């Protein structure tokens, strides 16, 4: 087996792996769609083979992933050499609002989520409560990785309105997925039934009287 390259392509395998993970598809599906063999893609990810121009062009054409970023790490996954500070600040704000709404169950944050979703965040400046909440809100330090992932993954979206909606949905979904699971509610939802737990002897259960002895 060949040793990993020791030049500027050292990180290419890791970046390709990150791109496939971001696309949420398997290496085999990725290989099929760019016209390469699964074994070759695996070798590139592991750093034992160098991709050619045709392979990189196929990735660019199929998924829009920047060849410069894959080869050198310059720019972002989907192109662009500079950091869009306005977008980065907007993402940090959305992540902070999503955390406050989902994790902290903050009613003001929930109201802001609706305004952001509907593209009416400007209305917050007319509401003293919302304006004050926005001024003191900042992203949790633990959310830096999420902010970075959302930034890299959504920089390519050309429609600003769609970009904001997608970012907000992704941030909310991130925190929703990490909420403690109500196992009884989940089982009831999965079965399509309503679970009733009786703690007294004269309650009704599933349409029948419960008689104690």
N, C-alpha and C. Protein backbone atom coordinates (compact mmCIF):
# COMPACT_ATOMS: atom_id res chain seq x y z
N UNK A 1 0.85 -1.19 0.00
CA UNK A 1 0.00 0.00 0.00
C UNK A 1 0.88 1.24 0.00
N UNK A 2 0.54 2.20 -0.82
CA UNK A 2 1.35 3.42 -0.90
C UNK A 2 1.18 4.26 0.34
N UNK A 3 2.24 4.97 0.68
CA UNK A 3 2.17 5.86 1.85
C UNK A 3 1.45 7.14 1.48
N UNK A 4 0.81 7.79 2.45
CA UNK A 4 0.15 9.05 2.17
C UNK A 4 1.13 10.07 1.63
N UNK A 5 0.67 10.95 0.80
CA UNK A 5 1.54 11.96 0.21
C UNK A 5 2.04 12.89 1.29
N UNK A 6 3.19 13.50 1.03
CA UNK A 6 3.79 14.38 2.03
C UNK A 6 3.82 15.82 1.56
N UNK A 7 3.09 16.11 0.48
CA UNK A 7 3.10 17.48 -0.02
C UNK A 7 1.84 18.21 0.42
N UNK A 8 1.44 19.24 -0.35
CA UNK A 8 0.28 20.04 0.03
C UNK A 8 -1.04 19.31 -0.05
N UNK A 9 -1.07 18.08 -0.54
CA UNK A 9 -2.31 17.32 -0.64
C UNK A 9 -2.60 16.50 0.61
N UNK A 10 -1.81 16.69 1.65
CA UNK A 10 -1.98 15.89 2.87
C UNK A 10 -3.41 15.88 3.38
N UNK A 11 -4.07 17.05 3.34
CA UNK A 11 -5.41 17.15 3.92
C UNK A 11 -6.53 16.83 2.95
N UNK A 12 -6.21 16.48 1.71
CA UNK A 12 -7.27 16.27 0.71
C UNK A 12 -8.22 15.16 1.12
N UNK A 13 -7.67 14.04 1.60
CA UNK A 13 -8.52 12.92 1.99
C UNK A 13 -9.50 13.29 3.08
N UNK A 14 -9.02 14.04 4.07
CA UNK A 14 -9.88 14.48 5.17
C UNK A 14 -10.97 15.43 4.68
N UNK A 15 -10.59 16.33 3.73
CA UNK A 15 -11.58 17.26 3.20
C UNK A 15 -12.60 16.55 2.34
N UNK A 16 -12.16 15.55 1.58
CA UNK A 16 -13.12 14.80 0.77
C UNK A 16 -14.07 14.03 1.67
N UNK A 17 -13.55 13.45 2.74
CA UNK A 17 -14.39 12.74 3.70
C UNK A 17 -15.41 13.69 4.33
N UNK A 18 -14.97 14.91 4.66
CA UNK A 18 -15.88 15.91 5.23
C UNK A 18 -16.97 16.29 4.23
N UNK A 19 -16.59 16.42 2.95
CA UNK A 19 -17.57 16.77 1.92
C UNK A 19 -18.63 15.67 1.78
N UNK A 20 -18.20 14.42 1.77
CA UNK A 20 -19.14 13.30 1.64
C UNK A 20 -20.06 13.26 2.85
N UNK A 21 -19.50 13.51 4.03
CA UNK A 21 -20.31 13.54 5.25
C UNK A 21 -21.34 14.65 5.18
N UNK A 22 -20.92 15.82 4.68
CA UNK A 22 -21.84 16.95 4.56
C UNK A 22 -22.96 16.65 3.57
N UNK A 23 -22.65 15.93 2.51
CA UNK A 23 -23.66 15.59 1.50
C UNK A 23 -24.62 14.52 2.00
N UNK A 24 -24.28 13.86 3.11
CA UNK A 24 -25.12 12.83 3.73
C UNK A 24 -25.39 11.66 2.79
N UNK A 25 -24.36 11.23 2.08
CA UNK A 25 -24.46 10.05 1.22
C UNK A 25 -23.28 9.14 1.52
N UNK A 26 -23.38 7.90 1.08
CA UNK A 26 -22.29 6.95 1.30
C UNK A 26 -21.16 7.20 0.30
N UNK A 27 -19.99 6.65 0.62
CA UNK A 27 -18.87 6.76 -0.32
C UNK A 27 -19.21 6.07 -1.64
N UNK A 28 -19.94 4.96 -1.57
CA UNK A 28 -20.32 4.24 -2.79
C UNK A 28 -21.23 5.09 -3.67
N UNK A 29 -22.21 5.77 -3.04
CA UNK A 29 -23.11 6.63 -3.80
C UNK A 29 -22.36 7.82 -4.37
N UNK A 30 -21.46 8.38 -3.58
CA UNK A 30 -20.64 9.50 -4.05
C UNK A 30 -19.84 9.07 -5.27
N UNK A 31 -19.21 7.88 -5.18
CA UNK A 31 -18.40 7.38 -6.30
C UNK A 31 -19.25 7.18 -7.54
N UNK A 32 -20.44 6.61 -7.36
CA UNK A 32 -21.33 6.35 -8.51
C UNK A 32 -21.69 7.65 -9.21
N UNK A 33 -21.98 8.68 -8.44
CA UNK A 33 -22.46 9.92 -9.03
C UNK A 33 -21.35 10.72 -9.72
N UNK A 34 -20.10 10.52 -9.30
CA UNK A 34 -19.00 11.24 -9.97
C UNK A 34 -18.32 10.35 -11.01
N UNK A 35 -18.81 9.10 -11.18
CA UNK A 35 -18.26 8.22 -12.19
C UNK A 35 -16.93 7.59 -11.82
N UNK A 36 -16.72 7.34 -10.52
CA UNK A 36 -15.49 6.70 -10.07
C UNK A 36 -15.83 5.40 -9.34
N UNK A 37 -14.83 4.59 -9.09
CA UNK A 37 -15.07 3.34 -8.37
C UNK A 37 -15.06 3.61 -6.87
N UNK A 38 -15.84 2.86 -6.10
CA UNK A 38 -15.83 3.03 -4.64
C UNK A 38 -14.44 2.84 -4.05
N UNK A 39 -13.67 1.89 -4.63
CA UNK A 39 -12.33 1.65 -4.12
C UNK A 39 -11.42 2.84 -4.31
N UNK A 40 -11.55 3.51 -5.46
CA UNK A 40 -10.71 4.68 -5.72
C UNK A 40 -11.05 5.80 -4.74
N UNK A 41 -12.35 6.04 -4.53
CA UNK A 41 -12.77 7.09 -3.58
C UNK A 41 -12.24 6.77 -2.19
N UNK A 42 -12.33 5.51 -1.80
CA UNK A 42 -11.82 5.09 -0.50
C UNK A 42 -10.33 5.35 -0.38
N UNK A 43 -9.59 5.06 -1.46
CA UNK A 43 -8.14 5.29 -1.45
C UNK A 43 -7.79 6.77 -1.34
N UNK A 44 -8.59 7.62 -2.00
CA UNK A 44 -8.35 9.07 -1.92
C UNK A 44 -8.64 9.56 -0.51
N UNK A 45 -9.74 9.09 0.08
CA UNK A 45 -10.09 9.49 1.44
C UNK A 45 -8.99 9.08 2.42
N UNK A 46 -8.39 7.90 2.20
CA UNK A 46 -7.35 7.41 3.11
C UNK A 46 -5.97 8.00 2.80
N UNK A 47 -5.89 8.78 1.71
CA UNK A 47 -4.63 9.45 1.39
C UNK A 47 -3.62 8.59 0.68
N UNK A 48 -4.05 7.47 0.07
CA UNK A 48 -3.09 6.59 -0.60
C UNK A 48 -3.11 6.76 -2.12
N UNK A 49 -4.04 7.57 -2.62
CA UNK A 49 -4.07 7.87 -4.05
C UNK A 49 -4.37 9.34 -4.26
N UNK A 50 -3.82 9.89 -5.33
CA UNK A 50 -4.09 11.27 -5.70
C UNK A 50 -5.15 11.31 -6.79
N UNK A 51 -6.13 12.18 -6.67
CA UNK A 51 -7.15 12.27 -7.72
C UNK A 51 -6.65 13.07 -8.90
N UNK A 52 -7.16 12.76 -10.08
CA UNK A 52 -6.80 13.52 -11.27
C UNK A 52 -7.79 14.63 -11.53
N UNK A 53 -7.53 15.39 -12.57
CA UNK A 53 -8.37 16.54 -12.91
C UNK A 53 -9.79 16.11 -13.24
N UNK A 54 -9.94 14.95 -13.91
CA UNK A 54 -11.28 14.49 -14.29
C UNK A 54 -12.13 14.20 -13.06
N UNK A 55 -11.50 13.60 -12.05
CA UNK A 55 -12.22 13.29 -10.81
C UNK A 55 -12.65 14.57 -10.10
N UNK A 56 -11.74 15.54 -10.00
CA UNK A 56 -12.05 16.80 -9.35
C UNK A 56 -13.12 17.58 -10.11
N UNK A 57 -13.03 17.53 -11.46
CA UNK A 57 -14.03 18.22 -12.28
C UNK A 57 -15.40 17.58 -12.08
N UNK A 58 -15.43 16.26 -11.97
CA UNK A 58 -16.70 15.56 -11.75
C UNK A 58 -17.33 15.96 -10.43
N UNK A 59 -16.52 16.12 -9.39
CA UNK A 59 -17.03 16.54 -8.09
C UNK A 59 -17.60 17.96 -8.16
N UNK A 60 -16.86 18.83 -8.87
CA UNK A 60 -17.31 20.21 -9.03
C UNK A 60 -18.62 20.28 -9.80
N UNK A 61 -18.71 19.53 -10.90
CA UNK A 61 -19.90 19.56 -11.73
C UNK A 61 -21.10 18.92 -11.05
N UNK A 62 -20.87 17.85 -10.29
CA UNK A 62 -21.97 17.11 -9.68
C UNK A 62 -22.47 17.74 -8.40
N UNK A 63 -21.53 18.19 -7.56
CA UNK A 63 -21.92 18.67 -6.23
C UNK A 63 -21.59 20.14 -5.97
N UNK A 64 -20.85 20.77 -6.89
CA UNK A 64 -20.50 22.17 -6.70
C UNK A 64 -19.40 22.40 -5.69
N UNK A 65 -18.67 21.34 -5.34
CA UNK A 65 -17.61 21.45 -4.33
C UNK A 65 -16.35 22.02 -4.97
N UNK A 66 -15.76 23.00 -4.32
CA UNK A 66 -14.60 23.72 -4.86
C UNK A 66 -13.37 22.82 -4.97
N UNK A 67 -12.76 22.79 -6.15
CA UNK A 67 -11.52 22.03 -6.35
C UNK A 67 -10.38 22.66 -5.55
N UNK A 68 -10.35 24.00 -5.48
CA UNK A 68 -9.31 24.68 -4.70
C UNK A 68 -9.38 24.27 -3.24
N UNK A 69 -10.61 24.20 -2.71
CA UNK A 69 -10.77 23.82 -1.31
C UNK A 69 -10.33 22.37 -1.09
N UNK A 70 -10.71 21.48 -2.01
CA UNK A 70 -10.32 20.07 -1.86
C UNK A 70 -8.80 19.92 -1.91
N UNK A 71 -8.16 20.62 -2.83
CA UNK A 71 -6.72 20.44 -3.02
C UNK A 71 -5.88 21.12 -1.95
N UNK A 72 -6.29 22.32 -1.53
CA UNK A 72 -5.43 23.09 -0.63
C UNK A 72 -6.09 23.54 0.66
N UNK A 73 -7.43 23.46 0.71
CA UNK A 73 -8.12 23.97 1.89
C UNK A 73 -8.42 25.45 1.80
N UNK A 74 -8.03 26.08 0.67
CA UNK A 74 -8.28 27.51 0.51
C UNK A 74 -9.76 27.77 0.24
N UNK A 75 -10.27 28.88 0.77
CA UNK A 75 -11.67 29.21 0.54
C UNK A 75 -12.59 28.34 1.36
N UNK A 76 -13.76 28.04 0.82
CA UNK A 76 -14.75 27.21 1.51
C UNK A 76 -15.11 26.01 0.65
N UNK A 77 -15.86 25.10 1.22
CA UNK A 77 -16.23 23.87 0.53
C UNK A 77 -16.89 24.15 -0.82
N UNK A 78 -17.71 25.19 -0.87
CA UNK A 78 -18.43 25.48 -2.10
C UNK A 78 -17.92 26.74 -2.78
N UNK A 79 -16.65 27.07 -2.53
CA UNK A 79 -16.03 28.20 -3.23
C UNK A 79 -16.09 29.48 -2.42
N UNK A 80 -15.41 30.49 -2.93
CA UNK A 80 -15.36 31.77 -2.23
C UNK A 80 -14.08 31.87 -1.42
N UNK A 81 -13.34 32.92 -1.61
CA UNK A 81 -12.05 33.05 -0.96
C UNK A 81 -12.11 33.78 0.37
N UNK A 82 -13.08 34.67 0.52
CA UNK A 82 -13.15 35.45 1.75
C UNK A 82 -14.28 34.99 2.65
N UNK A 83 -14.23 35.46 3.89
CA UNK A 83 -15.30 35.14 4.84
C UNK A 83 -16.38 36.20 4.74
N UNK A 84 -17.60 35.77 4.55
CA UNK A 84 -18.74 36.68 4.52
C UNK A 84 -19.15 36.96 5.97
N UNK A 85 -18.65 38.08 6.51
CA UNK A 85 -18.87 38.37 7.92
C UNK A 85 -20.35 38.59 8.25
N UNK A 86 -21.09 39.20 7.32
CA UNK A 86 -22.51 39.42 7.56
C UNK A 86 -23.24 38.08 7.71
N UNK A 87 -22.91 37.14 6.83
CA UNK A 87 -23.54 35.82 6.91
C UNK A 87 -23.13 35.11 8.19
N UNK A 88 -21.85 35.20 8.54
CA UNK A 88 -21.36 34.54 9.75
C UNK A 88 -22.06 35.09 10.99
N UNK A 89 -22.23 36.41 11.06
CA UNK A 89 -22.92 37.02 12.20
C UNK A 89 -24.39 36.58 12.23
N UNK A 90 -25.01 36.51 11.05
CA UNK A 90 -26.41 36.10 10.99
C UNK A 90 -26.58 34.66 11.47
N UNK A 91 -25.63 33.80 11.10
CA UNK A 91 -25.70 32.40 11.53
C UNK A 91 -25.51 32.30 13.03
N UNK A 92 -24.57 33.03 13.58
CA UNK A 92 -24.35 33.01 15.04
C UNK A 92 -25.62 33.45 15.76
N UNK A 93 -26.28 34.47 15.22
CA UNK A 93 -27.52 34.95 15.84
C UNK A 93 -28.61 33.89 15.76
N UNK A 94 -28.74 33.27 14.59
CA UNK A 94 -29.77 32.25 14.42
C UNK A 94 -29.53 31.05 15.34
N UNK A 95 -28.28 30.64 15.47
CA UNK A 95 -27.95 29.53 16.36
C UNK A 95 -28.28 29.88 17.80
N UNK A 96 -27.94 31.11 18.20
CA UNK A 96 -28.22 31.55 19.57
C UNK A 96 -29.73 31.59 19.83
N UNK A 97 -30.49 32.09 18.86
CA UNK A 97 -31.95 32.14 19.01
C UNK A 97 -32.52 30.72 19.07
N UNK A 98 -32.03 29.85 18.20
CA UNK A 98 -32.52 28.47 18.19
C UNK A 98 -32.24 27.77 19.51
N UNK A 99 -31.05 27.97 20.05
CA UNK A 99 -30.71 27.36 21.35
C UNK A 99 -31.65 27.87 22.44
N UNK A 100 -31.85 29.19 22.47
CA UNK A 100 -32.71 29.77 23.51
C UNK A 100 -34.15 29.27 23.39
N UNK A 101 -34.62 29.10 22.15
CA UNK A 101 -36.00 28.66 21.95
C UNK A 101 -36.18 27.18 22.26
N UNK A 102 -35.27 26.35 21.79
CA UNK A 102 -35.43 24.90 21.91
C UNK A 102 -34.92 24.38 23.25
N UNK A 103 -33.72 24.80 23.63
CA UNK A 103 -33.10 24.28 24.85
C UNK A 103 -33.64 24.98 26.10
N UNK A 104 -33.70 26.32 26.04
CA UNK A 104 -34.13 27.09 27.21
C UNK A 104 -35.64 27.33 27.24
N UNK A 105 -36.35 26.99 26.16
CA UNK A 105 -37.81 27.17 26.09
C UNK A 105 -38.19 28.63 26.34
N UNK A 106 -37.38 29.55 25.80
CA UNK A 106 -37.59 30.97 26.01
C UNK A 106 -38.68 31.49 25.05
N UNK A 107 -39.77 32.07 25.58
CA UNK A 107 -40.86 32.52 24.71
C UNK A 107 -40.47 33.65 23.76
N UNK A 108 -39.58 34.53 24.21
CA UNK A 108 -39.13 35.61 23.34
C UNK A 108 -38.35 35.05 22.16
N UNK A 109 -37.50 34.06 22.43
CA UNK A 109 -36.74 33.42 21.35
C UNK A 109 -37.68 32.72 20.38
N UNK A 110 -38.73 32.11 20.89
CA UNK A 110 -39.70 31.43 20.01
C UNK A 110 -40.37 32.44 19.09
N UNK A 111 -40.69 33.61 19.62
CA UNK A 111 -41.29 34.66 18.79
C UNK A 111 -40.32 35.11 17.70
N UNK A 112 -39.05 35.22 18.07
CA UNK A 112 -38.03 35.60 17.09
C UNK A 112 -37.87 34.55 16.01
N UNK A 113 -37.97 33.27 16.38
CA UNK A 113 -37.87 32.20 15.38
C UNK A 113 -38.92 32.38 14.29
N UNK A 114 -40.13 32.73 14.71
CA UNK A 114 -41.21 32.92 13.73
C UNK A 114 -40.91 34.10 12.81
N UNK A 115 -40.39 35.18 13.39
CA UNK A 115 -40.06 36.36 12.57
C UNK A 115 -38.95 36.05 11.58
N UNK A 116 -37.92 35.33 12.03
CA UNK A 116 -36.81 34.97 11.14
C UNK A 116 -37.31 34.05 10.04
N UNK A 117 -38.12 33.07 10.41
CA UNK A 117 -38.63 32.11 9.43
C UNK A 117 -39.44 32.80 8.34
N UNK A 118 -40.21 33.82 8.74
CA UNK A 118 -41.08 34.51 7.78
C UNK A 118 -40.39 35.71 7.13
N UNK A 119 -39.09 35.89 7.39
CA UNK A 119 -38.37 37.00 6.80
C UNK A 119 -38.78 38.35 7.34
N UNK A 120 -39.21 38.40 8.61
CA UNK A 120 -39.70 39.65 9.20
C UNK A 120 -38.88 40.06 10.42
N UNK A 121 -37.60 39.70 10.43
CA UNK A 121 -36.76 40.01 11.58
C UNK A 121 -36.67 41.51 11.82
N UNK A 122 -36.82 42.32 10.76
CA UNK A 122 -36.78 43.77 10.92
C UNK A 122 -37.82 44.29 11.89
N UNK A 123 -38.92 43.54 12.05
CA UNK A 123 -39.97 43.96 12.97
C UNK A 123 -39.51 43.92 14.42
N UNK A 124 -38.47 43.16 14.69
CA UNK A 124 -37.97 43.05 16.06
C UNK A 124 -37.45 44.39 16.57
N UNK A 125 -36.94 45.23 15.66
CA UNK A 125 -36.38 46.51 16.08
C UNK A 125 -37.48 47.46 16.58
N UNK A 126 -38.72 47.20 16.15
CA UNK A 126 -39.84 48.04 16.58
C UNK A 126 -40.42 47.58 17.92
N UNK A 127 -40.02 46.42 18.37
CA UNK A 127 -40.51 45.87 19.64
C UNK A 127 -39.39 45.97 20.67
N UNK A 128 -39.55 46.80 21.70
CA UNK A 128 -38.48 46.99 22.70
C UNK A 128 -38.04 45.68 23.35
N UNK A 129 -38.98 44.77 23.60
CA UNK A 129 -38.65 43.51 24.25
C UNK A 129 -37.76 42.65 23.36
N UNK A 130 -38.16 42.53 22.09
CA UNK A 130 -37.37 41.73 21.16
C UNK A 130 -36.02 42.39 20.88
N UNK A 131 -36.02 43.71 20.74
CA UNK A 131 -34.78 44.42 20.48
C UNK A 131 -33.78 44.24 21.61
N UNK A 132 -34.26 44.35 22.85
CA UNK A 132 -33.37 44.19 24.00
C UNK A 132 -32.85 42.76 24.09
N UNK A 133 -33.72 41.81 23.77
CA UNK A 133 -33.31 40.40 23.81
C UNK A 133 -32.22 40.14 22.77
N UNK A 134 -32.37 40.69 21.58
CA UNK A 134 -31.37 40.51 20.52
C UNK A 134 -30.03 41.14 20.92
N UNK A 135 -30.10 42.30 21.57
CA UNK A 135 -28.87 43.00 21.95
C UNK A 135 -28.04 42.19 22.94
N UNK A 136 -28.70 41.47 23.85
CA UNK A 136 -27.95 40.74 24.87
C UNK A 136 -27.69 39.29 24.49
N UNK A 137 -28.24 38.87 23.35
CA UNK A 137 -28.09 37.48 22.94
C UNK A 137 -26.75 37.27 22.24
N UNK A 138 -26.09 36.19 22.58
CA UNK A 138 -24.85 35.84 21.89
C UNK A 138 -24.76 34.33 21.81
N UNK A 139 -24.03 33.84 20.82
CA UNK A 139 -23.92 32.40 20.62
C UNK A 139 -23.11 31.77 21.75
N UNK A 140 -23.55 30.59 22.19
CA UNK A 140 -22.81 29.82 23.18
C UNK A 140 -21.47 29.39 22.59
N UNK A 141 -20.42 29.42 23.40
CA UNK A 141 -19.10 29.03 22.91
C UNK A 141 -19.07 27.60 22.39
N UNK A 142 -19.94 26.75 22.94
CA UNK A 142 -19.97 25.35 22.51
C UNK A 142 -20.56 25.20 21.11
N UNK A 143 -21.17 26.27 20.59
CA UNK A 143 -21.84 26.20 19.29
C UNK A 143 -20.94 26.60 18.13
N UNK A 144 -19.67 26.87 18.40
CA UNK A 144 -18.78 27.34 17.33
C UNK A 144 -18.71 26.34 16.18
N UNK A 145 -18.60 25.04 16.51
CA UNK A 145 -18.51 24.03 15.46
C UNK A 145 -19.76 24.01 14.60
N UNK A 146 -20.93 24.15 15.23
CA UNK A 146 -22.18 24.18 14.48
C UNK A 146 -22.23 25.40 13.57
N UNK A 147 -21.84 26.57 14.10
CA UNK A 147 -21.84 27.79 13.29
C UNK A 147 -20.95 27.63 12.07
N UNK A 148 -19.75 27.05 12.28
CA UNK A 148 -18.82 26.85 11.17
C UNK A 148 -19.38 25.89 10.14
N UNK A 149 -19.99 24.82 10.61
CA UNK A 149 -20.55 23.82 9.69
C UNK A 149 -21.68 24.43 8.86
N UNK A 150 -22.55 25.20 9.49
CA UNK A 150 -23.65 25.83 8.77
C UNK A 150 -23.12 26.86 7.77
N UNK A 151 -22.11 27.60 8.17
CA UNK A 151 -21.53 28.61 7.27
C UNK A 151 -20.97 27.94 6.02
N UNK A 152 -20.15 26.92 6.20
CA UNK A 152 -19.54 26.24 5.06
C UNK A 152 -20.57 25.55 4.19
N UNK A 153 -21.61 25.02 4.80
CA UNK A 153 -22.59 24.25 4.06
C UNK A 153 -23.61 25.08 3.31
N UNK A 154 -23.82 26.35 3.73
CA UNK A 154 -24.88 27.14 3.11
C UNK A 154 -24.38 28.38 2.39
N UNK A 155 -23.06 28.55 2.33
CA UNK A 155 -22.49 29.71 1.65
C UNK A 155 -22.85 29.72 0.16
N UNK A 156 -23.05 28.53 -0.40
CA UNK A 156 -23.29 28.41 -1.84
C UNK A 156 -24.70 28.83 -2.25
N UNK A 157 -25.65 28.90 -1.31
CA UNK A 157 -27.05 29.18 -1.66
C UNK A 157 -27.16 30.59 -2.24
N UNK A 158 -27.70 30.69 -3.44
CA UNK A 158 -27.76 31.98 -4.11
C UNK A 158 -28.95 32.82 -3.69
N UNK A 159 -30.03 32.19 -3.23
CA UNK A 159 -31.24 32.91 -2.83
C UNK A 159 -31.13 33.25 -1.34
N UNK A 160 -30.99 34.54 -0.98
CA UNK A 160 -30.81 34.91 0.43
C UNK A 160 -31.95 34.45 1.32
N UNK A 161 -33.20 34.55 0.81
CA UNK A 161 -34.35 34.15 1.62
C UNK A 161 -34.32 32.65 1.90
N UNK A 162 -34.02 31.86 0.86
CA UNK A 162 -33.93 30.41 1.04
C UNK A 162 -32.78 30.06 1.96
N UNK A 163 -31.69 30.82 1.84
CA UNK A 163 -30.52 30.58 2.69
C UNK A 163 -30.88 30.76 4.16
N UNK A 164 -31.59 31.84 4.48
CA UNK A 164 -31.97 32.10 5.86
C UNK A 164 -32.92 31.04 6.40
N UNK A 165 -33.88 30.63 5.57
CA UNK A 165 -34.83 29.59 6.00
C UNK A 165 -34.11 28.28 6.25
N UNK A 166 -33.21 27.91 5.35
CA UNK A 166 -32.49 26.65 5.50
C UNK A 166 -31.58 26.66 6.73
N UNK A 167 -30.91 27.79 6.94
CA UNK A 167 -30.04 27.92 8.11
C UNK A 167 -30.83 27.78 9.40
N UNK A 168 -31.96 28.47 9.45
CA UNK A 168 -32.77 28.42 10.66
C UNK A 168 -33.28 27.01 10.91
N UNK A 169 -33.77 26.36 9.86
CA UNK A 169 -34.28 24.99 10.01
C UNK A 169 -33.19 24.04 10.48
N UNK A 170 -31.98 24.22 9.95
CA UNK A 170 -30.87 23.35 10.34
C UNK A 170 -30.47 23.58 11.80
N UNK A 171 -30.45 24.85 12.23
CA UNK A 171 -30.09 25.17 13.61
C UNK A 171 -31.13 24.61 14.59
N UNK A 172 -32.41 24.79 14.27
CA UNK A 172 -33.47 24.28 15.14
C UNK A 172 -33.41 22.76 15.21
N UNK A 173 -33.24 22.12 14.05
CA UNK A 173 -33.18 20.66 14.02
C UNK A 173 -32.01 20.13 14.85
N UNK A 174 -30.89 20.86 14.82
CA UNK A 174 -29.71 20.45 15.60
C UNK A 174 -30.05 20.36 17.08
N UNK A 175 -30.71 21.37 17.61
CA UNK A 175 -31.03 21.38 19.04
C UNK A 175 -32.20 20.46 19.37
N UNK A 176 -33.16 20.37 18.46
CA UNK A 176 -34.29 19.45 18.68
C UNK A 176 -33.79 18.02 18.81
N UNK A 177 -32.81 17.66 17.98
CA UNK A 177 -32.30 16.28 17.99
C UNK A 177 -31.55 15.96 19.28
N UNK A 178 -31.13 17.00 19.99
CA UNK A 178 -30.36 16.77 21.21
C UNK A 178 -31.16 16.97 22.49
N UNK A 179 -32.47 17.22 22.35
CA UNK A 179 -33.31 17.35 23.54
C UNK A 179 -33.49 15.99 24.19
N UNK A 180 -33.62 15.95 25.52
CA UNK A 180 -33.91 14.67 26.19
C UNK A 180 -35.18 14.06 25.63
N UNK A 181 -35.15 12.78 25.36
CA UNK A 181 -36.29 12.13 24.71
C UNK A 181 -37.33 11.70 25.73
N UNK A 182 -38.58 12.06 25.47
CA UNK A 182 -39.70 11.58 26.26
C UNK A 182 -40.08 10.22 25.70
N UNK A 183 -39.62 9.16 26.34
CA UNK A 183 -39.77 7.81 25.78
C UNK A 183 -41.22 7.39 25.68
N UNK A 184 -42.03 7.73 26.67
CA UNK A 184 -43.44 7.35 26.63
C UNK A 184 -44.15 8.04 25.48
N UNK A 185 -43.88 9.36 25.33
CA UNK A 185 -44.51 10.11 24.23
C UNK A 185 -44.05 9.57 22.88
N UNK A 186 -42.77 9.20 22.78
CA UNK A 186 -42.25 8.66 21.52
C UNK A 186 -42.90 7.34 21.17
N UNK A 187 -43.09 6.47 22.17
CA UNK A 187 -43.74 5.19 21.94
C UNK A 187 -45.20 5.38 21.53
N UNK A 188 -45.86 6.31 22.19
CA UNK A 188 -47.26 6.57 21.85
C UNK A 188 -47.40 7.10 20.44
N UNK A 189 -46.48 8.01 20.05
CA UNK A 189 -46.52 8.58 18.70
C UNK A 189 -46.24 7.52 17.66
N UNK A 190 -45.29 6.62 17.98
CA UNK A 190 -44.92 5.58 17.03
C UNK A 190 -46.05 4.58 16.83
N UNK A 191 -46.81 4.30 17.89
CA UNK A 191 -47.88 3.29 17.80
C UNK A 191 -49.18 3.89 17.34
N UNK A 192 -49.27 5.23 17.38
CA UNK A 192 -50.51 5.89 16.98
C UNK A 192 -51.56 5.81 18.05
N UNK A 193 -51.18 5.41 19.26
CA UNK A 193 -52.14 5.26 20.34
C UNK A 193 -51.85 6.26 21.43
N UNK A 194 -52.86 6.54 22.23
CA UNK A 194 -52.69 7.41 23.38
C UNK A 194 -52.59 6.55 24.61
N UNK A 195 -51.54 6.73 25.36
CA UNK A 195 -51.31 5.92 26.55
C UNK A 195 -51.89 6.63 27.76
N UNK A 196 -52.72 5.94 28.53
CA UNK A 196 -53.29 6.49 29.74
C UNK A 196 -52.82 5.65 30.91
N UNK A 197 -52.30 6.32 31.91
CA UNK A 197 -51.85 5.61 33.10
C UNK A 197 -52.78 5.95 34.25
N UNK A 198 -53.42 4.95 34.82
CA UNK A 198 -54.35 5.16 35.91
C UNK A 198 -53.64 5.07 37.25
N UNK A 199 -53.93 6.03 38.11
CA UNK A 199 -53.35 5.98 39.45
C UNK A 199 -54.44 5.86 40.51
N UNK A 200 -55.70 5.90 40.10
CA UNK A 200 -56.81 5.75 41.03
C UNK A 200 -57.65 4.54 40.66
N UNK A 201 -58.57 4.17 41.50
CA UNK A 201 -59.36 2.97 41.24
C UNK A 201 -60.67 3.26 40.54
N UNK A 202 -61.03 4.54 40.34
CA UNK A 202 -62.32 4.86 39.72
C UNK A 202 -62.16 5.65 38.43
N UNK A 203 -60.96 5.60 37.81
CA UNK A 203 -60.75 6.27 36.53
C UNK A 203 -61.17 5.35 35.40
N UNK A 204 -61.48 5.98 34.26
CA UNK A 204 -61.85 5.22 33.08
C UNK A 204 -60.60 4.99 32.24
N UNK A 205 -60.48 3.80 31.67
CA UNK A 205 -59.30 3.46 30.89
C UNK A 205 -59.71 2.80 29.59
N UNK A 206 -59.32 3.41 28.46
CA UNK A 206 -59.60 2.84 27.14
C UNK A 206 -61.07 2.52 26.96
N UNK A 207 -61.96 3.41 27.46
CA UNK A 207 -63.38 3.24 27.21
C UNK A 207 -64.07 2.27 28.15
N UNK A 208 -63.34 1.72 29.13
CA UNK A 208 -63.95 0.78 30.06
C UNK A 208 -63.77 1.27 31.49
N UNK A 209 -64.74 0.93 32.34
CA UNK A 209 -64.62 1.31 33.74
C UNK A 209 -63.61 0.41 34.42
N UNK A 210 -62.85 1.03 35.31
CA UNK A 210 -61.89 0.26 36.09
C UNK A 210 -62.46 0.16 37.50
N UNK A 211 -62.75 -1.03 37.93
CA UNK A 211 -63.32 -1.21 39.25
C UNK A 211 -62.31 -1.81 40.19
N UNK A 212 -62.18 -1.18 41.30
CA UNK A 212 -61.29 -1.73 42.30
C UNK A 212 -62.03 -2.74 43.15
N UNK A 213 -61.31 -3.54 43.82
CA UNK A 213 -61.93 -4.52 44.70
C UNK A 213 -61.86 -4.03 46.14
